[in-house]
Amino acid sequence: MKQKEFDFEAGEVLLLDKPLTWTSFDVVRKVKNMLRIKKIGHAGTLDPLATGLLILCTGKKTKDIDSIQAQEKEYTGTFRLGQTTPSFDLETPVDAELPYAHLTEADLQAATAPFVGLIEQTPPLFSAVKINGERAYEVARRGDTAEIKSKQITITAFELTSISLPDIQFRVVCSKGTYIRSLARDFGVALGCGAHLTQLARTRIGEYSLSDALTIADIEALRPPRSEADLAKQARPADNRRRPVRQGLAYYDASTAAAASAADEKAPQE
């Protein structure tokens, strides 16, 4: 099959599958540098701990960003019942545990109904919402608290696709501005056992689907030939400075490393 030809300067809408732990800006910067694109932006942020569809617009197509952002979104993921975290996801450690074993499938299914339709939702303190000109997550990471106003959002569908307590897999179709982490928190409150988000993937924005998205490796394959100047830069001694630990993911990185180490210790030795 012939590879599609792109004209990034004239304008393209690129569908990307965002890697886990990358920020949306990480993806924009990587693609901009790899493809040497002058004008590029994304149409809707994904949290670092989410994966899935991230839409990039280049050149003249950047004027379409607002209209793409306004379109309906679809997500799939996993809630864990019985535990809460300050960030409503895996960015921060568990701060409370509550019983959940008494809940039946009927209880869980019934609890979804109040969240379908036009509802009020309060964004997480660990979010990019601005409070007096400052990002809310900056306030949260200092250990401070602040009041965030609720807003109206629309959830068109909230389905529980698999139940294996304490984990529940779900599918949500919603409007712009919906925080799935807040839905996890609110769903846990409604059930009386608490909950937090452990996995999230965006699968659709409007008519754009994750199934049509490129990976970072696919983008790498589109990289234009390097000039002599670029090759000369590559030949310079490597910069051995360590990358700074990304603020906000220190706990996630540490807990993931600890889990991997524990798994290695349990693995049979040959």
Protein backbone atom coordinates (compact mmCIF):
# COMPACT_ATOMS: atom_id res chain seq x y z
CA MET A 1 0.00 0.00 0.00
CA LYS A 2 1.31 3.42 -0.95
CA GLN A 3 2.10 5.62 2.03
CA LYS A 4 -0.07 8.71 2.32
CA GLU A 5 1.70 11.93 1.38
CA PHE A 6 1.43 14.78 3.88
CA ASP A 7 1.80 18.53 3.42
CA PHE A 8 2.32 19.69 6.98
CA GLU A 9 3.01 23.32 6.17
CA ALA A 10 -0.16 23.65 4.08
CA GLY A 11 -2.10 21.92 6.84
CA GLU A 12 -2.88 18.43 8.11
CA VAL A 13 -5.01 16.85 10.83
CA LEU A 14 -2.85 14.13 12.40
CA LEU A 15 -4.31 11.42 14.62
CA LEU A 16 -1.82 10.18 17.24
CA ASP A 17 -1.97 7.43 19.84
CA LYS A 18 -0.46 9.21 22.86
CA PRO A 19 2.00 7.08 24.85
CA LEU A 20 1.53 6.57 28.58
CA THR A 21 3.22 9.22 30.82
CA TRP A 22 3.75 11.65 27.92
CA THR A 23 2.09 15.04 28.26
CA SER A 24 0.16 16.35 25.28
CA PHE A 25 2.85 19.02 24.91
CA ASP A 26 5.53 16.29 24.85
CA VAL A 27 3.82 14.84 21.77
CA VAL A 28 3.48 18.24 20.06
CA ARG A 29 7.14 19.06 20.68
CA LYS A 30 8.34 15.62 19.52
CA VAL A 31 6.33 15.72 16.29
CA LYS A 32 7.29 19.34 15.62
CA ASN A 33 10.98 18.54 15.96
CA MET A 34 10.87 15.26 14.03
CA LEU A 35 8.92 16.64 11.08
CA ARG A 36 10.29 20.21 11.25
CA ILE A 37 6.83 21.74 11.33
CA LYS A 38 6.65 25.46 12.02
CA LYS A 39 3.01 25.68 13.11
CA ILE A 40 1.39 22.87 15.12
CA GLY A 41 -0.99 22.45 18.05
CA HIS A 42 -3.20 19.82 19.66
CA ALA A 43 -7.00 19.69 19.79
CA GLY A 44 -7.68 18.56 23.35
CA THR A 45 -5.36 17.69 26.23
CA LEU A 46 -4.88 14.17 27.56
CA ASP A 47 -3.50 13.63 31.07
CA PRO A 48 -0.01 12.05 31.24
CA LEU A 49 -1.52 8.86 32.70
CA ALA A 50 -4.03 8.57 29.85
CA THR A 51 -3.36 7.09 26.42
CA GLY A 52 -5.26 7.17 23.17
CA LEU A 53 -6.39 9.64 20.58
CA LEU A 54 -4.61 12.98 20.48
CA ILE A 55 -5.32 15.14 17.44
CA LEU A 56 -2.58 17.42 16.10
CA CYS A 57 -3.29 20.18 13.60
CA THR A 58 -0.56 21.73 11.46
CA GLY A 59 -0.27 24.74 9.19
CA LYS A 60 -3.61 26.24 8.13
CA LYS A 61 -5.47 23.38 9.79
CA THR A 62 -4.66 24.87 13.21
CA LYS A 63 -7.69 27.09 12.66
CA ASP A 64 -9.80 23.93 13.07
CA ILE A 65 -8.55 23.21 16.60
CA ASP A 66 -11.46 24.89 18.42
CA SER A 67 -14.10 23.11 16.35
CA ILE A 68 -12.43 19.72 16.85
CA GLN A 69 -12.08 20.30 20.60
CA ALA A 70 -15.80 21.02 20.84
CA GLN A 71 -16.78 17.61 19.46
CA GLU A 72 -18.06 14.66 21.47
CA LYS A 73 -15.46 12.41 23.13
CA GLU A 74 -15.43 8.68 23.86
CA TYR A 75 -13.29 7.03 26.54
CA THR A 76 -12.71 3.55 27.88
CA GLY A 77 -10.91 2.71 31.09
CA THR A 78 -10.92 1.20 34.58
CA PHE A 79 -12.18 2.41 37.95
CA ARG A 80 -10.93 0.75 41.14
CA LEU A 81 -13.50 0.65 43.92
CA GLY A 82 -12.73 0.81 47.62
CA GLN A 83 -9.81 3.24 47.39
CA THR A 84 -9.52 6.99 46.90
CA THR A 85 -6.56 9.21 46.00
CA PRO A 86 -6.20 13.03 46.15
CA SER A 87 -5.74 13.23 42.37
CA PHE A 88 -8.56 10.72 41.68
CA ASP A 89 -6.04 8.59 39.71
CA LEU A 90 -2.62 6.95 40.11
CA GLU A 91 -0.63 10.19 40.30
CA THR A 92 -0.96 10.23 44.10
CA PRO A 93 -1.05 7.46 46.76
CA VAL A 94 -4.21 5.95 48.22
CA ASP A 95 -5.48 8.10 51.09
CA ALA A 96 -8.55 6.09 52.17
CA GLU A 97 -9.93 2.56 51.88
CA LEU A 98 -13.58 1.55 52.22
CA PRO A 99 -15.48 -1.77 51.91
CA TYR A 100 -16.97 -2.62 48.52
CA ALA A 101 -17.54 -6.41 48.58
CA HIS A 102 -21.21 -5.97 49.53
CA LEU A 103 -22.02 -4.28 46.21
CA THR A 104 -23.88 -6.32 43.59
CA GLU A 105 -23.77 -5.91 39.83
CA ALA A 106 -27.28 -4.49 40.03
CA ASP A 107 -26.05 -1.87 42.51
CA LEU A 108 -23.23 -0.86 40.19
CA GLN A 109 -25.38 -0.68 37.07
CA ALA A 110 -28.07 1.34 38.85
CA ALA A 111 -25.48 3.85 40.09
CA THR A 112 -24.57 4.85 36.52
CA ALA A 113 -28.01 6.27 35.68
CA PRO A 114 -27.76 9.60 37.59
CA PHE A 115 -24.58 10.45 35.67
CA VAL A 116 -26.19 10.27 32.22
CA GLY A 117 -27.48 13.55 30.77
CA LEU A 118 -26.73 17.16 31.67
CA ILE A 119 -24.99 17.14 35.07
CA GLU A 120 -22.86 19.32 37.32
CA GLN A 121 -19.25 18.21 37.70
CA THR A 122 -16.40 19.66 39.76
CA PRO A 123 -12.94 19.33 38.13
CA PRO A 124 -10.12 17.76 40.20
CA LEU A 125 -7.78 20.03 42.13
CA PHE A 126 -5.03 18.16 40.26
CA SER A 127 -6.01 19.72 36.93
CA ALA A 128 -5.11 22.60 34.61
CA VAL A 129 -8.11 24.67 35.72
CA LYS A 130 -6.97 28.18 36.65
CA ILE A 131 -7.46 29.55 40.16
CA ASN A 132 -6.63 33.26 40.45
CA GLY A 133 -4.33 32.95 37.44
CA GLU A 134 -2.56 29.82 38.72
CA ARG A 135 -3.01 26.25 37.53
CA ALA A 136 -4.92 24.18 40.09
CA TYR A 137 -2.33 21.37 39.99
CA GLU A 138 0.34 23.84 41.14
CA VAL A 139 -1.78 24.63 44.19
CA ALA A 140 -2.39 20.92 44.84
CA ARG A 141 1.27 19.93 44.54
CA ARG A 142 2.20 22.53 47.17
CA GLY A 143 -0.18 20.77 49.51
CA ASP A 144 -2.63 23.69 49.52
CA THR A 145 -6.36 23.55 48.92
CA ALA A 146 -8.67 25.76 46.89
CA GLU A 147 -12.29 25.81 45.84
CA ILE A 148 -13.04 24.91 42.22
CA LYS A 149 -16.41 25.82 40.78
CA SER A 150 -18.53 23.09 39.27
CA LYS A 151 -19.63 23.28 35.65
CA GLN A 152 -22.25 21.68 33.46
CA ILE A 153 -21.22 18.80 31.23
CA THR A 154 -23.14 16.20 29.25
CA ILE A 155 -22.58 12.46 29.49
CA THR A 156 -24.38 10.69 26.65
CA ALA A 157 -23.41 7.15 27.64
CA PHE A 158 -21.93 5.57 30.78
CA GLU A 159 -21.63 1.81 30.43
CA LEU A 160 -19.96 -0.75 32.68
CA THR A 161 -18.41 -3.17 30.21
CA SER A 162 -16.74 -5.59 32.65
CA ILE A 163 -16.97 -6.07 36.42
CA SER A 164 -14.23 -7.88 38.36
CA LEU A 165 -14.23 -6.24 41.78
CA PRO A 166 -12.56 -4.12 42.83
CA ASP A 167 -11.99 -3.17 39.17
CA ILE A 168 -14.70 -2.00 36.80
CA GLN A 169 -14.14 -1.37 33.12
CA PHE A 170 -16.28 1.30 31.49
CA ARG A 171 -17.13 3.21 28.34
CA VAL A 172 -18.13 6.88 28.47
CA VAL A 173 -19.34 9.23 25.74
CA CYS A 174 -19.29 12.84 26.87
CA SER A 175 -18.99 16.51 26.03
CA LYS A 176 -15.93 18.72 26.01
CA GLY A 177 -14.68 19.58 29.48
CA THR A 178 -15.62 16.29 31.13
CA TYR A 179 -13.09 14.95 33.64
CA ILE A 180 -13.21 11.15 33.79
CA ARG A 181 -11.19 11.32 37.01
CA SER A 182 -14.01 13.37 38.56
CA LEU A 183 -16.52 10.81 37.29
CA ALA A 184 -14.49 8.11 39.09
CA ARG A 185 -14.59 10.13 42.31
CA ASP A 186 -18.31 10.90 42.02
CA PHE A 187 -19.20 7.30 41.10
CA GLY A 188 -17.33 6.08 44.18
CA VAL A 189 -19.17 8.59 46.37
CA ALA A 190 -22.51 7.46 44.94
CA LEU A 191 -21.65 3.84 45.77
CA GLY A 192 -20.39 4.77 49.24
CA CYS A 193 -17.08 2.97 48.78
CA GLY A 194 -14.87 5.48 47.00
CA ALA A 195 -13.11 4.93 43.68
CA HIS A 196 -10.26 6.19 41.56
CA LEU A 197 -9.20 5.96 37.92
CA THR A 198 -6.48 3.40 37.15
CA GLN A 199 -6.54 3.35 33.34
CA LEU A 200 -7.92 5.65 30.63
CA ALA A 201 -7.84 5.72 26.85
CA ARG A 202 -9.56 8.21 24.55
CA THR A 203 -10.99 6.24 21.67
CA ARG A 204 -12.86 8.86 19.68
CA ILE A 205 -13.29 12.62 19.10
CA GLY A 206 -16.28 13.30 16.86
CA GLU A 207 -15.75 11.18 13.76
CA TYR A 208 -12.01 10.78 14.43
CA SER A 209 -11.16 7.31 15.76
CA LEU A 210 -8.21 5.87 17.67
CA SER A 211 -8.23 2.94 15.22
CA ASP A 212 -6.98 5.34 12.54
CA ALA A 213 -4.26 6.90 14.70
CA LEU A 214 -0.51 6.79 14.07
CA THR A 215 2.06 5.84 16.68
CA ILE A 216 5.18 7.85 17.47
CA ALA A 217 7.12 5.19 15.51
CA ASP A 218 4.89 5.84 12.49
CA ILE A 219 5.66 9.56 12.76
CA GLU A 220 9.36 8.76 13.02
CA ALA A 221 9.10 7.00 9.65
CA LEU A 222 7.82 10.25 8.10
CA ARG A 223 10.89 12.20 9.22
CA PRO A 224 12.42 14.09 6.26
CA PRO A 225 16.04 13.40 5.26
CA ARG A 226 18.53 15.13 7.53
CA SER A 227 20.69 17.96 6.27
CA GLU A 228 24.48 18.05 6.67
CA ALA A 229 24.04 20.55 9.49
CA ASP A 230 21.72 18.15 11.35
CA LEU A 231 24.17 15.29 10.88
CA ALA A 232 26.99 17.48 12.22
CA LYS A 233 24.94 18.22 15.34
CA GLN A 234 24.30 14.50 15.79
CA ALA A 235 28.04 13.85 15.66
CA ARG A 236 28.70 16.12 18.65
CA PRO A 237 29.40 14.51 22.06
CA ALA A 238 26.19 13.38 23.74
CA ASP A 239 24.72 15.56 26.47
CA ASN A 240 24.84 13.32 29.53
CA ARG A 241 22.76 15.57 31.73
CA ARG A 242 19.94 13.59 33.38
CA ARG A 243 16.42 14.45 32.40
CA PRO A 244 14.59 16.08 35.31
CA VAL A 245 11.91 14.00 37.00
CA ARG A 246 8.58 15.27 35.70
CA GLN A 247 6.70 16.93 38.52
CA GLY A 248 3.51 15.09 39.32
CA LEU A 249 4.63 11.65 38.17
CA ALA A 250 7.23 10.94 40.85
CA TYR A 251 4.85 8.76 42.90
CA TYR A 252 3.55 6.93 39.82
CA ASP A 253 7.10 6.24 38.57
CA ALA A 254 8.19 4.99 42.00
CA SER A 255 5.16 2.76 42.53
CA THR A 256 5.46 1.31 39.02
CA ALA A 257 9.15 0.54 39.57
CA ALA A 258 8.37 -1.08 42.92
CA ALA A 259 5.66 -3.26 41.37
CA ALA A 260 8.01 -4.34 38.59
CA SER A 261 10.72 -5.19 41.12
CA ALA A 262 8.27 -7.24 43.19
CA ALA A 263 7.17 -9.13 40.09
CA ASP A 264 10.79 -9.91 39.21
CA GLU A 265 11.39 -11.29 42.71
CA LYS A 266 8.37 -13.60 42.39
CA ALA A 267 9.39 -14.85 38.94
CA PRO A 268 10.78 -18.42 38.91
CA GLN A 269 14.53 -18.61 38.76
CA GLU A 270 16.11 -20.81 36.08
